[in-house]
Amino acid sequence: MKLLEFKNTIQEVWSESTSDKIQILKAHMQALVKDKDLINQLTSPLIEDDLILDHDERLGYYLYAYSEGQGTYRQPHNHGNGWVIYVVLSGIMEMATYFETKSDDGESHIFEKEHYLLTSGDGRAFYPGDIHHTLSLSEGTIILRLTSIDLRGELAIGRMKRY
């Protein structure tokens, strides 16, 4: 699969139910990371900042590529009302999911639920409100991330939460 084909796929499946859409797009993203041209584009030279590969104002999604150094840890967080798909292009990424409880005094506590190691071609989808962390276990891990909305907006209005 090529990047242009994937962009067309996003447009084609956007009206599907959220669950169906996410599973379809995750499978296509996993095929996309096998594209040698894309691999060369993103690894030579290694991307430094978030690189927007595609964005649609009307639908609101963003497709990013970014690299993480070994040991880069993104503390447990959710994406507010947005969903996200991560697919590893190269390297090793650890991810864990959490559930949240509240004590009688209203204090929030999170507990690890599941733990994964993702390598090239592996992907995970997180739905609105899902809590997770990421940790790069190799130097120059490259990730593709598709978000349903602008996460900066979710953070700014307080729906995206870091724990």
N, C-alpha and C. Protein backbone atom coordinates (compact mmCIF):
# COMPACT_ATOMS: atom_id res chain seq x y z
N MET A 1 0.85 -1.18 0.00
CA MET A 1 0.00 0.00 0.00
C MET A 1 0.89 1.23 0.00
N LYS A 2 0.51 2.22 -0.75
CA LYS A 2 1.22 3.49 -0.84
C LYS A 2 0.46 4.54 -0.04
N LEU A 3 1.16 5.63 0.31
CA LEU A 3 0.57 6.69 1.11
C LEU A 3 -0.67 7.28 0.44
N LEU A 4 -0.63 7.51 -0.84
CA LEU A 4 -1.79 8.08 -1.55
C LEU A 4 -2.99 7.14 -1.46
N GLU A 5 -2.74 5.83 -1.60
CA GLU A 5 -3.83 4.86 -1.47
C GLU A 5 -4.43 4.90 -0.06
N PHE A 6 -3.55 5.04 0.95
CA PHE A 6 -4.04 5.08 2.31
C PHE A 6 -4.88 6.33 2.55
N LYS A 7 -4.44 7.47 2.02
CA LYS A 7 -5.23 8.71 2.14
C LYS A 7 -6.62 8.51 1.54
N ASN A 8 -6.69 7.83 0.41
CA ASN A 8 -7.99 7.55 -0.22
C ASN A 8 -8.83 6.62 0.65
N THR A 9 -8.18 5.64 1.27
CA THR A 9 -8.88 4.71 2.16
C THR A 9 -9.50 5.46 3.33
N ILE A 10 -8.77 6.39 3.91
CA ILE A 10 -9.33 7.18 5.02
C ILE A 10 -10.62 7.84 4.57
N GLN A 11 -10.57 8.49 3.42
CA GLN A 11 -11.76 9.19 2.90
C GLN A 11 -12.92 8.22 2.68
N GLU A 12 -12.61 7.03 2.16
CA GLU A 12 -13.65 6.05 1.83
C GLU A 12 -14.34 5.48 3.07
N VAL A 13 -13.59 5.25 4.15
CA VAL A 13 -14.17 4.56 5.30
C VAL A 13 -14.59 5.50 6.43
N TRP A 14 -14.38 6.79 6.26
CA TRP A 14 -14.62 7.72 7.37
C TRP A 14 -16.05 7.65 7.90
N SER A 15 -17.02 7.36 7.05
CA SER A 15 -18.41 7.33 7.50
C SER A 15 -18.78 6.03 8.22
N GLU A 16 -17.90 5.05 8.23
CA GLU A 16 -18.16 3.79 8.95
C GLU A 16 -18.30 4.07 10.44
N SER A 17 -18.87 3.12 11.18
CA SER A 17 -18.93 3.25 12.63
C SER A 17 -17.50 3.36 13.17
N THR A 18 -17.35 3.97 14.32
CA THR A 18 -16.01 4.19 14.86
C THR A 18 -15.23 2.90 14.99
N SER A 19 -15.83 1.87 15.53
CA SER A 19 -15.13 0.60 15.73
C SER A 19 -14.69 0.00 14.40
N ASP A 20 -15.59 -0.07 13.43
CA ASP A 20 -15.25 -0.63 12.13
C ASP A 20 -14.17 0.20 11.44
N LYS A 21 -14.33 1.50 11.47
CA LYS A 21 -13.39 2.41 10.83
C LYS A 21 -11.99 2.22 11.40
N ILE A 22 -11.89 2.18 12.72
CA ILE A 22 -10.59 2.04 13.37
C ILE A 22 -9.92 0.73 12.98
N GLN A 23 -10.67 -0.36 12.97
CA GLN A 23 -10.08 -1.65 12.62
C GLN A 23 -9.64 -1.70 11.16
N ILE A 24 -10.43 -1.13 10.27
CA ILE A 24 -10.06 -1.07 8.84
C ILE A 24 -8.80 -0.23 8.66
N LEU A 25 -8.78 0.95 9.28
CA LEU A 25 -7.64 1.85 9.11
C LEU A 25 -6.38 1.27 9.75
N LYS A 26 -6.51 0.61 10.88
CA LYS A 26 -5.34 -0.01 11.51
C LYS A 26 -4.74 -1.06 10.60
N ALA A 27 -5.56 -1.90 9.99
CA ALA A 27 -5.06 -2.92 9.07
C ALA A 27 -4.35 -2.28 7.87
N HIS A 28 -4.92 -1.20 7.35
CA HIS A 28 -4.29 -0.52 6.21
C HIS A 28 -3.00 0.19 6.62
N MET A 29 -2.96 0.73 7.83
CA MET A 29 -1.72 1.35 8.31
C MET A 29 -0.62 0.30 8.48
N GLN A 30 -1.00 -0.89 8.93
CA GLN A 30 -0.01 -1.95 9.08
C GLN A 30 0.54 -2.37 7.72
N ALA A 31 -0.28 -2.30 6.68
CA ALA A 31 0.21 -2.57 5.33
C ALA A 31 1.07 -1.42 4.82
N LEU A 32 0.69 -0.20 5.19
CA LEU A 32 1.41 0.99 4.74
C LEU A 32 2.86 0.99 5.22
N VAL A 33 3.11 0.53 6.44
CA VAL A 33 4.48 0.60 6.96
C VAL A 33 5.42 -0.41 6.29
N LYS A 34 4.91 -1.19 5.37
CA LYS A 34 5.75 -2.10 4.58
C LYS A 34 6.19 -1.47 3.26
N ASP A 35 5.69 -0.26 2.97
CA ASP A 35 6.03 0.45 1.74
C ASP A 35 7.48 0.94 1.81
N LYS A 36 8.33 0.39 0.96
CA LYS A 36 9.75 0.72 0.99
C LYS A 36 10.02 2.20 0.72
N ASP A 37 9.24 2.82 -0.16
CA ASP A 37 9.42 4.25 -0.42
C ASP A 37 9.14 5.08 0.83
N LEU A 38 8.08 4.73 1.54
CA LEU A 38 7.75 5.45 2.77
C LEU A 38 8.82 5.22 3.83
N ILE A 39 9.27 3.99 3.95
CA ILE A 39 10.33 3.68 4.91
C ILE A 39 11.56 4.53 4.62
N ASN A 40 11.97 4.60 3.35
CA ASN A 40 13.14 5.40 2.98
C ASN A 40 12.91 6.88 3.27
N GLN A 41 11.72 7.37 2.97
CA GLN A 41 11.39 8.78 3.20
C GLN A 41 11.48 9.14 4.69
N LEU A 42 11.07 8.24 5.56
CA LEU A 42 11.00 8.54 6.98
C LEU A 42 12.25 8.17 7.76
N THR A 43 13.14 7.39 7.16
CA THR A 43 14.33 6.95 7.89
C THR A 43 15.62 7.56 7.37
N SER A 44 15.58 8.20 6.25
CA SER A 44 16.82 8.74 5.68
C SER A 44 16.60 10.16 5.17
N PRO A 45 16.92 11.20 5.92
CA PRO A 45 17.39 11.15 7.31
C PRO A 45 16.23 10.91 8.27
N LEU A 46 16.58 10.52 9.48
CA LEU A 46 15.57 10.24 10.50
C LEU A 46 14.77 11.50 10.80
N ILE A 47 13.46 11.38 10.85
CA ILE A 47 12.62 12.55 11.13
C ILE A 47 12.84 13.00 12.58
N GLU A 48 12.88 14.29 12.78
CA GLU A 48 13.16 14.84 14.11
C GLU A 48 11.87 15.26 14.83
N ASP A 49 10.98 15.92 14.13
CA ASP A 49 9.75 16.43 14.73
C ASP A 49 8.56 15.69 14.12
N ASP A 50 7.37 15.94 14.71
CA ASP A 50 6.16 15.38 14.11
C ASP A 50 6.08 15.84 12.66
N LEU A 51 5.91 14.89 11.78
CA LEU A 51 5.76 15.17 10.36
C LEU A 51 4.32 14.84 9.99
N ILE A 52 3.56 15.85 9.56
CA ILE A 52 2.17 15.60 9.16
C ILE A 52 2.19 15.02 7.75
N LEU A 53 1.77 13.78 7.62
CA LEU A 53 1.71 13.11 6.32
C LEU A 53 0.38 13.39 5.63
N ASP A 54 -0.67 13.64 6.41
CA ASP A 54 -1.97 13.95 5.84
C ASP A 54 -2.84 14.59 6.92
N HIS A 55 -3.70 15.47 6.49
CA HIS A 55 -4.66 16.13 7.39
C HIS A 55 -5.85 16.56 6.55
N ASP A 56 -7.03 16.40 7.11
CA ASP A 56 -8.23 16.84 6.42
C ASP A 56 -9.02 17.74 7.36
N GLU A 57 -9.14 19.01 7.00
CA GLU A 57 -9.87 19.99 7.83
C GLU A 57 -11.32 19.58 8.04
N ARG A 58 -11.96 19.13 6.99
CA ARG A 58 -13.39 18.79 7.06
C ARG A 58 -13.63 17.60 7.99
N LEU A 59 -12.84 16.55 7.84
CA LEU A 59 -13.03 15.35 8.66
C LEU A 59 -12.30 15.47 10.00
N GLY A 60 -11.26 16.26 10.05
CA GLY A 60 -10.57 16.53 11.30
C GLY A 60 -9.39 15.66 11.64
N TYR A 61 -9.11 14.63 10.87
CA TYR A 61 -8.04 13.69 11.24
C TYR A 61 -6.65 14.24 10.91
N TYR A 62 -5.66 13.64 11.57
CA TYR A 62 -4.25 13.92 11.31
C TYR A 62 -3.51 12.59 11.20
N LEU A 63 -2.64 12.46 10.22
CA LEU A 63 -1.74 11.32 10.11
C LEU A 63 -0.32 11.86 10.28
N TYR A 64 0.34 11.41 11.33
CA TYR A 64 1.69 11.86 11.66
C TYR A 64 2.68 10.72 11.53
N ALA A 65 3.93 11.09 11.33
CA ALA A 65 5.07 10.20 11.53
C ALA A 65 5.99 10.92 12.49
N TYR A 66 6.57 10.18 13.41
CA TYR A 66 7.53 10.79 14.33
C TYR A 66 8.49 9.73 14.84
N SER A 67 9.64 10.19 15.32
CA SER A 67 10.62 9.26 15.87
C SER A 67 10.81 9.55 17.35
N GLU A 68 11.21 8.53 18.08
CA GLU A 68 11.44 8.65 19.51
C GLU A 68 12.79 8.02 19.83
N GLY A 69 13.55 8.68 20.67
CA GLY A 69 14.81 8.11 21.13
C GLY A 69 14.57 7.04 22.18
N GLN A 70 15.56 6.20 22.34
CA GLN A 70 15.45 5.14 23.35
C GLN A 70 15.20 5.76 24.72
N GLY A 71 14.20 5.24 25.42
CA GLY A 71 13.87 5.71 26.75
C GLY A 71 12.83 6.83 26.77
N THR A 72 12.41 7.32 25.60
CA THR A 72 11.38 8.36 25.60
C THR A 72 10.08 7.78 26.13
N TYR A 73 9.58 8.38 27.20
CA TYR A 73 8.40 7.87 27.90
C TYR A 73 7.30 8.93 27.83
N ARG A 74 6.14 8.53 27.37
CA ARG A 74 4.96 9.39 27.37
C ARG A 74 4.05 8.87 28.47
N GLN A 75 3.98 9.63 29.56
CA GLN A 75 3.25 9.19 30.76
C GLN A 75 1.82 8.80 30.41
N PRO A 76 1.17 8.03 31.29
CA PRO A 76 -0.21 7.64 31.02
C PRO A 76 -1.08 8.87 30.70
N HIS A 77 -1.87 8.71 29.65
CA HIS A 77 -2.72 9.81 29.17
C HIS A 77 -3.87 9.21 28.37
N ASN A 78 -4.88 10.03 28.14
CA ASN A 78 -5.92 9.65 27.19
C ASN A 78 -5.92 10.69 26.07
N HIS A 79 -6.79 10.54 25.12
CA HIS A 79 -6.88 11.49 24.02
C HIS A 79 -8.24 12.19 24.01
N GLY A 80 -8.82 12.34 25.20
CA GLY A 80 -10.09 13.05 25.29
C GLY A 80 -11.16 12.35 24.47
N ASN A 81 -11.84 13.10 23.63
CA ASN A 81 -12.89 12.53 22.78
C ASN A 81 -12.34 11.96 21.47
N GLY A 82 -11.04 11.98 21.30
CA GLY A 82 -10.45 11.47 20.07
C GLY A 82 -10.00 10.03 20.21
N TRP A 83 -9.93 9.35 19.07
CA TRP A 83 -9.33 8.02 19.04
C TRP A 83 -8.00 8.13 18.30
N VAL A 84 -7.16 7.14 18.49
CA VAL A 84 -5.82 7.16 17.89
C VAL A 84 -5.42 5.74 17.51
N ILE A 85 -4.66 5.65 16.43
CA ILE A 85 -4.05 4.38 16.02
C ILE A 85 -2.55 4.63 15.93
N TYR A 86 -1.76 3.78 16.60
CA TYR A 86 -0.31 3.80 16.50
C TYR A 86 0.12 2.57 15.72
N VAL A 87 1.05 2.73 14.79
CA VAL A 87 1.67 1.60 14.13
C VAL A 87 3.18 1.87 14.08
N VAL A 88 3.96 0.88 14.50
CA VAL A 88 5.41 1.02 14.52
C VAL A 88 5.96 0.72 13.13
N LEU A 89 6.71 1.68 12.59
CA LEU A 89 7.37 1.49 11.30
C LEU A 89 8.71 0.79 11.51
N SER A 90 9.46 1.22 12.52
CA SER A 90 10.72 0.55 12.87
C SER A 90 11.02 0.78 14.34
N GLY A 91 11.74 -0.15 14.92
CA GLY A 91 12.08 -0.04 16.33
C GLY A 91 11.14 -0.85 17.21
N ILE A 92 11.25 -0.60 18.51
CA ILE A 92 10.45 -1.32 19.50
C ILE A 92 9.79 -0.31 20.42
N MET A 93 8.49 -0.46 20.60
CA MET A 93 7.71 0.44 21.45
C MET A 93 6.96 -0.39 22.48
N GLU A 94 7.04 0.04 23.73
CA GLU A 94 6.24 -0.56 24.79
C GLU A 94 5.00 0.31 24.97
N MET A 95 3.86 -0.33 25.15
CA MET A 95 2.63 0.38 25.46
C MET A 95 1.92 -0.39 26.57
N ALA A 96 1.22 0.36 27.39
CA ALA A 96 0.40 -0.27 28.43
C ALA A 96 -0.91 0.49 28.49
N THR A 97 -1.97 -0.21 28.87
CA THR A 97 -3.27 0.43 29.08
C THR A 97 -3.59 0.41 30.56
N TYR A 98 -4.45 1.32 30.95
CA TYR A 98 -4.80 1.50 32.35
C TYR A 98 -6.31 1.65 32.50
N PHE A 99 -6.79 1.38 33.71
CA PHE A 99 -8.16 1.74 34.05
C PHE A 99 -8.08 2.71 35.23
N GLU A 100 -9.11 3.53 35.33
CA GLU A 100 -9.14 4.58 36.34
C GLU A 100 -10.23 4.27 37.37
N THR A 101 -9.90 4.50 38.63
CA THR A 101 -10.89 4.42 39.69
C THR A 101 -10.84 5.72 40.48
N LYS A 102 -11.89 5.98 41.21
CA LYS A 102 -11.94 7.17 42.06
C LYS A 102 -12.21 6.72 43.49
N SER A 103 -11.47 7.30 44.41
CA SER A 103 -11.68 6.99 45.82
C SER A 103 -12.91 7.73 46.32
N ASP A 104 -13.32 7.42 47.54
CA ASP A 104 -14.51 8.07 48.12
C ASP A 104 -14.37 9.59 48.17
N ASP A 105 -13.13 10.07 48.29
CA ASP A 105 -12.92 11.52 48.34
C ASP A 105 -12.76 12.14 46.94
N GLY A 106 -12.97 11.31 45.90
CA GLY A 106 -12.93 11.82 44.53
C GLY A 106 -11.57 11.80 43.88
N GLU A 107 -10.56 11.34 44.59
CA GLU A 107 -9.22 11.29 44.03
C GLU A 107 -9.12 10.17 43.00
N SER A 108 -8.47 10.47 41.88
CA SER A 108 -8.34 9.52 40.77
C SER A 108 -7.08 8.67 40.94
N HIS A 109 -7.22 7.38 40.65
CA HIS A 109 -6.09 6.44 40.68
C HIS A 109 -6.16 5.60 39.42
N ILE A 110 -4.99 5.32 38.83
CA ILE A 110 -4.97 4.44 37.66
C ILE A 110 -4.16 3.19 37.98
N PHE A 111 -4.55 2.10 37.32
CA PHE A 111 -3.90 0.81 37.50
C PHE A 111 -3.66 0.19 36.14
N GLU A 112 -2.49 -0.39 35.97
CA GLU A 112 -2.16 -1.01 34.67
C GLU A 112 -3.07 -2.20 34.42
N LYS A 113 -3.57 -2.26 33.19
CA LYS A 113 -4.49 -3.33 32.77
C LYS A 113 -3.77 -4.32 31.86
N GLU A 114 -3.15 -3.81 30.79
CA GLU A 114 -2.45 -4.67 29.82
C GLU A 114 -1.13 -4.02 29.44
N HIS A 115 -0.22 -4.85 28.95
CA HIS A 115 1.13 -4.41 28.61
C HIS A 115 1.51 -5.05 27.28
N TYR A 116 2.08 -4.29 26.33
CA TYR A 116 2.42 -4.82 25.01
C TYR A 116 3.80 -4.37 24.58
N LEU A 117 4.43 -5.16 23.74
CA LEU A 117 5.63 -4.76 23.01
C LEU A 117 5.27 -4.76 21.54
N LEU A 118 5.53 -3.65 20.87
CA LEU A 118 5.22 -3.53 19.44
C LEU A 118 6.52 -3.37 18.67
N THR A 119 6.64 -4.12 17.59
CA THR A 119 7.78 -3.99 16.69
C THR A 119 7.24 -3.65 15.30
N SER A 120 8.13 -3.57 14.35
CA SER A 120 7.76 -3.13 13.00
C SER A 120 6.51 -3.85 12.48
N GLY A 121 5.51 -3.04 12.11
CA GLY A 121 4.26 -3.57 11.57
C GLY A 121 3.16 -3.78 12.59
N ASP A 122 3.52 -3.73 13.88
CA ASP A 122 2.51 -3.90 14.93
C ASP A 122 1.77 -2.59 15.17
N GLY A 123 0.50 -2.69 15.54
CA GLY A 123 -0.28 -1.50 15.81
C GLY A 123 -1.26 -1.71 16.96
N ARG A 124 -1.65 -0.59 17.55
CA ARG A 124 -2.66 -0.58 18.61
C ARG A 124 -3.60 0.59 18.37
N ALA A 125 -4.85 0.38 18.68
CA ALA A 125 -5.86 1.43 18.59
C ALA A 125 -6.36 1.75 19.99
N PHE A 126 -6.57 3.02 20.25
CA PHE A 126 -7.12 3.46 21.52
C PHE A 126 -8.34 4.32 21.23
N TYR A 127 -9.41 4.02 21.92
CA TYR A 127 -10.69 4.68 21.73
C TYR A 127 -10.79 5.91 22.65
N PRO A 128 -11.77 6.77 22.44
CA PRO A 128 -11.90 7.95 23.31
C PRO A 128 -11.91 7.55 24.78
N GLY A 129 -11.09 8.24 25.55
CA GLY A 129 -11.01 7.99 26.98
C GLY A 129 -10.06 6.89 27.40
N ASP A 130 -9.59 6.03 26.47
CA ASP A 130 -8.65 4.97 26.84
C ASP A 130 -7.36 5.59 27.37
N ILE A 131 -6.89 5.07 28.48
CA ILE A 131 -5.66 5.56 29.11
C ILE A 131 -4.52 4.62 28.72
N HIS A 132 -3.39 5.18 28.30
CA HIS A 132 -2.24 4.37 27.90
C HIS A 132 -0.95 5.17 28.07
N HIS A 133 0.17 4.46 28.07
CA HIS A 133 1.47 5.13 28.01
C HIS A 133 2.26 4.53 26.85
N THR A 134 3.31 5.24 26.43
CA THR A 134 4.23 4.71 25.42
C THR A 134 5.65 4.89 25.94
N LEU A 135 6.51 3.95 25.56
CA LEU A 135 7.93 3.99 25.92
C LEU A 135 8.72 3.42 24.76
N SER A 136 9.63 4.21 24.21
CA SER A 136 10.49 3.72 23.13
C SER A 136 11.62 2.89 23.73
N LEU A 137 11.76 1.67 23.25
CA LEU A 137 12.80 0.77 23.77
C LEU A 137 14.00 0.67 22.84
N SER A 138 13.98 1.42 21.75
CA SER A 138 15.13 1.40 20.82
C SER A 138 15.38 2.82 20.33
N GLU A 139 16.58 3.06 19.90
CA GLU A 139 16.93 4.37 19.37
C GLU A 139 16.29 4.54 18.00
N GLY A 140 15.69 5.70 17.78
CA GLY A 140 15.11 5.99 16.47
C GLY A 140 13.87 5.19 16.13
N THR A 141 13.08 4.85 17.13
CA THR A 141 11.80 4.19 16.85
C THR A 141 10.94 5.14 16.04
N ILE A 142 10.36 4.65 14.95
CA ILE A 142 9.51 5.49 14.11
C ILE A 142 8.08 4.97 14.17
N ILE A 143 7.17 5.90 14.43
CA ILE A 143 5.76 5.56 14.62
C ILE A 143 4.90 6.35 13.66
N LEU A 144 3.89 5.69 13.11
CA LEU A 144 2.81 6.39 12.41
C LEU A 144 1.66 6.49 13.40
N ARG A 145 1.05 7.68 13.47
CA ARG A 145 -0.07 7.89 14.38
C ARG A 145 -1.19 8.59 13.63
N LEU A 146 -2.36 7.97 13.63
CA LEU A 146 -3.56 8.56 13.04
C LEU A 146 -4.48 8.96 14.18
N THR A 147 -4.85 10.24 14.23
CA THR A 147 -5.76 10.73 15.25
C THR A 147 -7.03 11.23 14.59
N SER A 148 -8.15 11.04 15.26
CA SER A 148 -9.43 11.43 14.69
C SER A 148 -9.67 12.93 14.77
N ILE A 149 -8.95 13.60 15.66
CA ILE A 149 -9.11 15.04 15.86
C ILE A 149 -7.77 15.66 16.22
N ASP A 150 -7.74 16.98 16.31
CA ASP A 150 -6.54 17.70 16.73
C ASP A 150 -6.40 17.55 18.25
N LEU A 151 -5.40 16.80 18.67
CA LEU A 151 -5.22 16.54 20.09
C LEU A 151 -4.84 17.79 20.87
N ARG A 152 -4.23 18.76 20.23
CA ARG A 152 -3.90 20.01 20.92
C ARG A 152 -5.19 20.70 21.39
N GLY A 153 -6.24 20.62 20.58
CA GLY A 153 -7.53 21.19 20.98
C GLY A 153 -8.12 20.45 22.16
N GLU A 154 -8.01 19.12 22.17
CA GLU A 154 -8.52 18.32 23.29
C GLU A 154 -7.77 18.66 24.58
N LEU A 155 -6.47 18.85 24.46
CA LEU A 155 -5.66 19.22 25.62
C LEU A 155 -6.03 20.62 26.11
N ALA A 156 -6.20 21.55 25.18
CA ALA A 156 -6.49 22.94 25.54
C ALA A 156 -7.82 23.08 26.28
N ILE A 157 -8.81 22.27 25.92
CA ILE A 157 -10.11 22.40 26.60
C ILE A 157 -10.26 21.44 27.78
N GLY A 158 -9.20 20.69 28.07
CA GLY A 158 -9.18 19.87 29.28
C GLY A 158 -9.75 18.48 29.16
N ARG A 159 -10.10 18.05 27.93
CA ARG A 159 -10.62 16.67 27.80
C ARG A 159 -9.50 15.65 27.75
N MET A 160 -8.36 16.02 27.15
CA MET A 160 -7.20 15.13 27.11
C MET A 160 -6.50 15.28 28.45
N LYS A 161 -6.27 14.16 29.11
CA LYS A 161 -5.72 14.20 30.47
C LYS A 161 -4.44 13.38 30.56
N ARG A 162 -3.47 13.95 31.26
CA ARG A 162 -2.23 13.22 31.58
C ARG A 162 -2.27 12.87 33.06
N TYR A 163 -1.88 11.65 33.37
CA TYR A 163 -1.96 11.16 34.75
C TYR A 163 -0.61 11.14 35.41
